[in-house]
Protein backbone atom coordinates (compact mmCIF):
# COMPACT_ATOMS: atom_id res chain seq x y z
CA MET A 1 147.89 64.83 -7.46
CA PRO A 2 151.11 64.18 -9.30
CA GLN A 3 150.61 61.63 -12.45
CA ILE A 4 152.46 58.26 -11.88
CA SER A 5 155.64 58.14 -13.79
CA LEU A 6 156.94 54.51 -15.48
CA THR A 7 159.87 53.57 -17.13
CA PRO A 8 159.63 52.72 -20.76
CA ALA A 9 160.35 48.91 -19.51
CA GLU A 10 157.37 49.34 -17.06
CA ARG A 11 155.48 50.94 -19.59
CA ARG A 12 156.44 47.96 -21.97
CA GLU A 13 155.14 45.15 -19.90
CA LYS A 14 151.75 47.21 -19.14
CA ARG A 15 151.07 47.27 -22.93
CA ALA A 16 151.67 43.64 -23.46
CA ASP A 17 149.76 42.88 -20.06
CA ALA A 18 146.71 45.02 -21.89
CA HIS A 19 146.94 43.62 -25.22
CA HIS A 20 144.25 40.73 -24.74
CA LEU A 21 141.74 43.07 -22.55
CA ASP A 22 138.37 43.94 -24.10
CA PRO A 23 137.39 47.47 -23.45
CA VAL A 24 136.01 48.14 -19.92
CA VAL A 25 134.28 51.59 -20.18
CA ILE A 26 132.93 53.28 -23.47
CA VAL A 27 133.24 57.17 -23.63
CA GLY A 28 130.22 58.26 -25.86
CA SER A 29 129.01 61.00 -27.57
CA ASP A 30 128.32 62.81 -24.86
CA GLY A 31 131.87 62.84 -23.89
CA LEU A 32 133.98 62.61 -20.29
CA THR A 33 130.79 63.06 -18.18
CA PRO A 34 131.13 62.79 -14.12
CA ALA A 35 129.61 59.31 -14.24
CA VAL A 36 131.75 58.18 -17.06
CA GLN A 37 134.69 59.67 -14.81
CA LYS A 38 133.26 57.62 -11.86
CA GLU A 39 132.99 54.19 -14.44
CA ILE A 40 136.87 54.76 -15.16
CA ASP A 41 137.58 55.36 -11.33
CA ASN A 42 136.13 52.26 -10.02
CA ALA A 43 137.18 49.94 -13.20
CA LEU A 44 140.94 50.85 -11.97
CA ASN A 45 139.88 50.33 -8.69
CA SER A 46 138.90 47.04 -9.58
CA HIS A 47 141.67 45.87 -12.09
CA GLY A 48 143.98 48.15 -11.96
CA LEU A 49 144.80 47.70 -16.09
CA ILE A 50 142.29 48.84 -18.09
CA LYS A 51 141.28 49.47 -21.71
CA VAL A 52 138.49 52.65 -22.67
CA ARG A 53 137.26 53.45 -26.18
CA VAL A 54 136.43 56.67 -27.27
CA SER A 55 133.90 56.96 -29.89
CA ALA A 56 135.61 60.58 -30.31
CA GLU A 57 136.83 61.22 -34.13
CA ASP A 58 139.10 63.75 -33.40
CA ARG A 59 143.17 62.73 -32.73
CA THR A 60 143.71 65.59 -30.49
CA ALA A 61 140.42 65.65 -28.57
CA ARG A 62 141.18 61.81 -27.35
CA GLU A 63 144.82 63.00 -26.76
CA LEU A 64 143.19 65.12 -24.48
CA LEU A 65 140.86 63.13 -23.04
CA PHE A 66 143.38 60.85 -22.08
CA GLN A 67 145.63 63.39 -20.66
CA THR A 68 142.99 64.67 -18.51
CA LEU A 69 141.52 60.79 -17.49
CA SER A 70 145.45 60.08 -16.52
CA ALA A 71 145.37 63.78 -14.64
CA ASP A 72 142.53 63.60 -12.68
CA LEU A 73 142.12 59.60 -11.63
CA ASN A 74 146.00 59.59 -10.76
CA ALA A 75 146.90 57.08 -12.87
CA ALA A 76 149.66 55.99 -15.40
CA PRO A 77 148.86 56.55 -19.24
CA ILE A 78 150.06 53.55 -20.89
CA GLN A 79 149.02 53.68 -24.72
CA HIS A 80 146.72 55.63 -26.65
CA ILE A 81 146.27 53.65 -30.07
CA GLY A 82 143.31 54.49 -32.26
CA LYS A 83 140.30 54.87 -30.32
CA LEU A 84 141.78 52.89 -27.49
CA LEU A 85 143.25 54.28 -24.44
CA VAL A 86 144.96 52.14 -21.92
CA LEU A 87 145.20 53.38 -18.22
CA TRP A 88 147.00 51.70 -15.48
CA ARG A 89 146.90 52.81 -11.27
CA PRO A 90 148.52 50.33 -8.56
CA PRO A 91 146.17 48.57 -6.64
CA VAL A 92 145.04 49.87 -3.33
CA GLU A 93 145.88 47.24 -0.48
CA LYS A 94 142.10 46.14 1.10
CA VAL A 95 141.96 45.87 5.18
CA ARG A 96 140.28 43.10 6.38
CA GLU A 97 138.88 43.19 9.30
CA ALA A 98 138.38 39.96 11.62
CA ALA A 99 135.28 39.35 12.10
CA SER A 100 134.47 39.68 15.83
CA GLY A 101 137.79 38.57 16.47
CA GLU A 102 137.17 34.78 15.32
CA ASP A 103 139.51 32.79 13.11
CA ARG A 104 137.55 32.37 9.80
CA MET A 105 137.35 28.55 8.62
CA PRO A 106 138.16 28.01 4.80
CA GLY A 107 134.71 28.26 2.71
CA PRO A 108 133.62 25.50 0.17
CA ARG A 109 135.72 24.59 -3.06
CA ASP A 110 134.77 22.72 -5.89
CA VAL A 111 136.92 20.00 -7.05
CA LYS A 112 136.66 17.81 -10.38
CA VAL A 113 137.76 14.13 -9.80
CA LEU A 114 137.96 11.43 -12.88
CA LYS A 115 136.65 7.89 -12.45
CA TYR A 116 138.22 5.67 -14.50
CA GLY A 117 136.02 2.67 -15.20
CA ARG A 118 137.15 -0.06 -17.33
CA GLY A 119 139.20 -0.74 -20.45
CA GLY A 120 139.26 2.12 -22.58
CA GLN A 121 136.16 3.94 -21.62
CA ARG A 122 136.48 7.46 -20.76
CA PRO A 123 136.71 8.55 -17.49
CA GLU A 124 133.51 9.66 -15.53
CA VAL A 125 133.86 13.63 -14.69
CA LYS A 126 132.20 14.57 -10.93
CA THR A 127 132.25 18.12 -9.51
CA LEU A 128 132.58 17.76 -5.40
CA ARG A 129 131.75 20.52 -3.19
CA VAL A 130 134.49 20.16 -0.86
CA LEU A 131 133.61 21.99 2.77
CA GLY A 132 136.01 23.75 4.72
CA ASN A 133 136.10 20.87 7.53
CA GLN A 134 136.17 18.24 4.87
CA ARG A 135 138.93 16.46 2.58
CA LEU A 136 138.97 14.23 -0.16
CA THR A 137 140.45 10.94 -0.42
CA PRO A 138 142.68 9.74 -3.00
CA GLY A 139 139.49 7.45 -4.19
CA GLY A 140 137.57 10.69 -4.68
CA GLN A 141 135.97 10.15 -1.39
CA VAL A 142 134.79 13.59 0.55
CA LYS A 143 135.59 12.62 4.18
CA ARG A 144 135.48 14.93 7.37
CA ILE A 145 138.76 15.97 8.12
CA LYS A 146 139.77 14.50 11.85
CA VAL A 147 140.31 16.43 14.89
CA LEU A 148 143.99 15.57 15.99
CA GLN A 149 144.15 14.54 19.29
CA LYS A 150 146.65 15.68 21.71
CA SER A 151 148.38 13.21 24.32
CA VAL A 152 147.34 12.81 27.56
CA LYS A 153 150.71 12.24 28.85
CA LYS A 154 152.13 15.45 27.29
CA ASN A 155 149.75 17.53 29.06
CA GLN A 156 150.19 16.41 32.52
CA PRO A 157 152.64 18.50 35.01
CA ASP A 158 155.74 17.02 35.72
């Protein structure tokens, strides 16, 4: 597979995005086993941009591992600093199939509501679960969504 090539500006942007990340996979003393390579592949599928910690002491071995991973997994090598390797692969678009042709309704969501009391008291924070067929009023109450009724006159043939 051809290796992904990035411009220096794109690489710098990916390095900045990876700065706050923690290592997702740690390559131990056994080196790059097929199980470790599979985990790195799964992490790249899930996250796209990952850090890998390598326990090898030899810099040339780490560099070789970095190039091997990027070539085998079709990932772009972003950064090798110390024992950390940063890899990136563009996300794979998932194909969602409609379940038996039905239109799916939105699922439940948790909403935080502030209820203000009297005077200088702290507001009370409530977490409410709002289902797909419900709405939240400005007063903080959960109500069912009203189904809009169509006009009888508009549906009549001329």
